[in-house]
Protein backbone atom coordinates (compact mmCIF):
# COMPACT_ATOMS: atom_id res chain seq x y z
CA MET A 1 41.14 -304.64 -79.15
CA THR A 2 43.10 -302.94 -81.79
CA LEU A 3 43.57 -304.22 -85.21
CA ASN A 4 47.21 -303.65 -86.03
CA ILE A 5 46.78 -303.53 -89.71
CA PHE A 6 50.21 -303.91 -91.80
CA GLY A 7 48.65 -303.59 -95.14
CA VAL A 8 45.79 -303.94 -97.48
CA GLY A 9 45.77 -305.21 -101.11
CA THR A 10 43.44 -305.78 -103.92
CA ASP A 11 43.77 -307.18 -107.39
CA ILE A 12 41.30 -307.61 -110.29
CA VAL A 13 42.10 -310.03 -113.09
CA LYS A 14 40.35 -310.20 -116.56
CA ASN A 15 39.34 -313.98 -116.88
CA SER A 16 39.96 -314.05 -120.49
CA ARG A 17 43.55 -313.16 -119.90
CA ILE A 18 44.14 -315.93 -117.67
CA LYS A 19 42.24 -318.41 -120.01
CA LYS A 20 44.94 -317.81 -122.55
CA LEU A 21 47.72 -317.92 -120.25
CA ILE A 22 46.84 -321.26 -118.44
CA LYS A 23 47.01 -323.02 -122.00
CA ASN A 24 50.69 -322.80 -121.39
CA LYS A 25 52.01 -325.52 -119.16
CA LYS A 26 55.12 -323.26 -118.32
CA PHE A 27 52.78 -320.58 -117.11
CA ILE A 28 51.02 -322.86 -114.67
CA ASN A 29 54.05 -324.42 -113.37
CA ARG A 30 55.69 -321.09 -112.76
CA ILE A 31 52.94 -319.29 -111.21
CA PHE A 32 50.92 -322.09 -109.14
CA THR A 33 52.10 -324.52 -106.41
CA SER A 34 51.95 -328.28 -106.98
CA SER A 35 49.12 -328.29 -104.33
CA GLU A 36 47.04 -325.58 -106.34
CA ILE A 37 47.68 -327.48 -109.62
CA LYS A 38 46.28 -330.72 -108.01
CA ASP A 39 43.43 -329.04 -106.51
CA SER A 40 42.62 -327.71 -109.91
CA LYS A 41 42.26 -331.14 -111.35
CA LYS A 42 38.91 -331.59 -109.25
CA ILE A 43 37.33 -328.19 -110.52
CA ASN A 44 35.31 -327.80 -113.63
CA GLN A 45 35.85 -323.95 -113.89
CA LYS A 46 39.64 -323.95 -114.27
CA VAL A 47 39.66 -320.27 -115.56
CA LEU A 48 38.10 -319.06 -112.55
CA PHE A 49 40.12 -321.23 -110.28
CA PHE A 50 43.32 -320.09 -111.59
CA SER A 51 42.26 -316.26 -111.98
CA LYS A 52 41.21 -316.07 -108.37
CA ARG A 53 44.47 -317.59 -107.08
CA PHE A 54 46.47 -315.31 -109.47
CA ALA A 55 44.62 -312.36 -108.11
CA ALA A 56 45.14 -313.54 -104.56
CA LYS A 57 48.77 -313.78 -104.85
CA GLU A 58 49.19 -310.22 -106.29
CA ALA A 59 46.74 -308.76 -103.70
CA PHE A 60 48.72 -310.47 -100.81
CA VAL A 61 52.21 -308.96 -102.09
CA LYS A 62 50.60 -305.65 -102.51
CA SER A 63 49.45 -305.78 -98.90
CA LEU A 64 52.95 -306.18 -98.03
CA GLY A 65 53.76 -303.29 -99.88
CA THR A 66 56.72 -305.00 -101.71
CA GLY A 67 55.08 -306.55 -104.68
CA PHE A 68 57.20 -309.37 -106.08
CA ALA A 69 60.55 -308.00 -104.63
CA HIS A 70 62.94 -309.23 -102.13
CA ASN A 71 63.13 -312.74 -104.11
CA ILE A 72 59.43 -313.55 -103.43
CA ASN A 73 57.68 -315.30 -106.15
CA PHE A 74 54.30 -316.78 -106.95
CA LYS A 75 55.06 -320.12 -105.93
CA ASP A 76 56.05 -318.94 -102.40
CA ILE A 77 52.42 -318.38 -101.94
CA ASN A 78 49.80 -321.00 -101.92
CA VAL A 79 45.94 -320.54 -101.89
CA SER A 80 43.53 -323.14 -100.63
CA LYS A 81 40.19 -323.34 -99.11
CA LYS A 82 38.71 -324.77 -96.03
CA ARG A 83 35.96 -327.32 -96.05
CA SER A 84 33.46 -324.14 -95.47
CA GLY A 85 34.77 -322.63 -98.69
CA LYS A 86 36.77 -320.01 -96.94
CA PRO A 87 40.12 -319.28 -98.61
CA TYR A 88 43.42 -318.98 -96.95
CA PHE A 89 47.10 -318.66 -97.48
CA THR A 90 50.02 -321.09 -96.67
CA LEU A 91 53.50 -319.48 -97.24
CA SER A 92 56.73 -320.98 -97.99
CA ASN A 93 59.43 -321.07 -95.35
CA LYS A 94 61.47 -318.66 -97.64
CA LEU A 95 58.73 -316.08 -97.72
CA LYS A 96 57.98 -316.33 -93.82
CA ASN A 97 61.85 -315.68 -93.48
CA ILE A 98 61.53 -312.71 -95.70
CA LEU A 99 58.57 -311.41 -93.82
CA LYS A 100 60.53 -311.60 -90.52
CA ARG A 101 64.05 -310.30 -91.75
CA LYS A 102 63.09 -307.77 -94.44
CA LEU A 103 59.59 -306.66 -93.11
CA LYS A 104 60.02 -307.26 -89.26
CA LEU A 105 56.75 -309.30 -89.45
CA LYS A 106 57.36 -312.09 -86.86
CA LYS A 107 53.70 -313.03 -86.80
CA VAL A 108 50.80 -312.12 -89.14
CA LYS A 109 47.24 -313.07 -89.67
CA ILE A 110 46.11 -312.62 -93.31
CA PHE A 111 42.47 -312.20 -94.33
CA LEU A 112 41.58 -313.31 -97.76
CA SER A 113 38.37 -312.78 -99.86
CA LEU A 114 37.94 -313.84 -103.42
CA SER A 115 35.20 -313.46 -105.83
CA ASP A 116 34.54 -313.92 -109.44
CA GLU A 117 32.12 -312.94 -112.33
CA ARG A 118 31.94 -314.01 -115.97
CA GLU A 119 34.54 -311.55 -116.93
CA TYR A 120 36.69 -310.49 -113.87
CA SER A 121 37.91 -312.38 -110.80
CA VAL A 122 38.98 -310.28 -107.52
CA ALA A 123 40.80 -310.75 -104.36
CA TYR A 124 41.16 -308.64 -101.34
CA VAL A 125 43.69 -309.25 -98.57
CA ILE A 126 44.55 -307.56 -95.17
CA THR A 127 47.64 -308.55 -93.29
CA GLN A 128 47.50 -308.01 -89.74
CA LYS A 129 50.81 -307.68 -87.52
CA ILE A 130 50.43 -309.74 -84.58
CA LYS A 131 52.25 -308.67 -81.42
């Protein structure tokens, strides 16, 4: 079995930076999906919650090798977690179309790992091309 890795991305965020930014509702509404905002209401550690999701979105576009080009924006990428706690992405239809048309990625598997400490949050993403 071969792992057909399309790309790898990582991002680290200083939590104090996100702490300042999330005081601004416009920032939250511009970066995070309604589902993420709803999930944040159940969380006590909002700074860590938003920091990890911000890092995850950045790491994902880095794994594509595009950054936020091709009309990709933060809200096209939703970060959720399974009951087990394992994080995963849900991509907008617009982003799925961009992956197919611009990057020739018809089917992908995305691996996401999130971690945090008092000062920093980090995300690591591997995007695998499925044939």
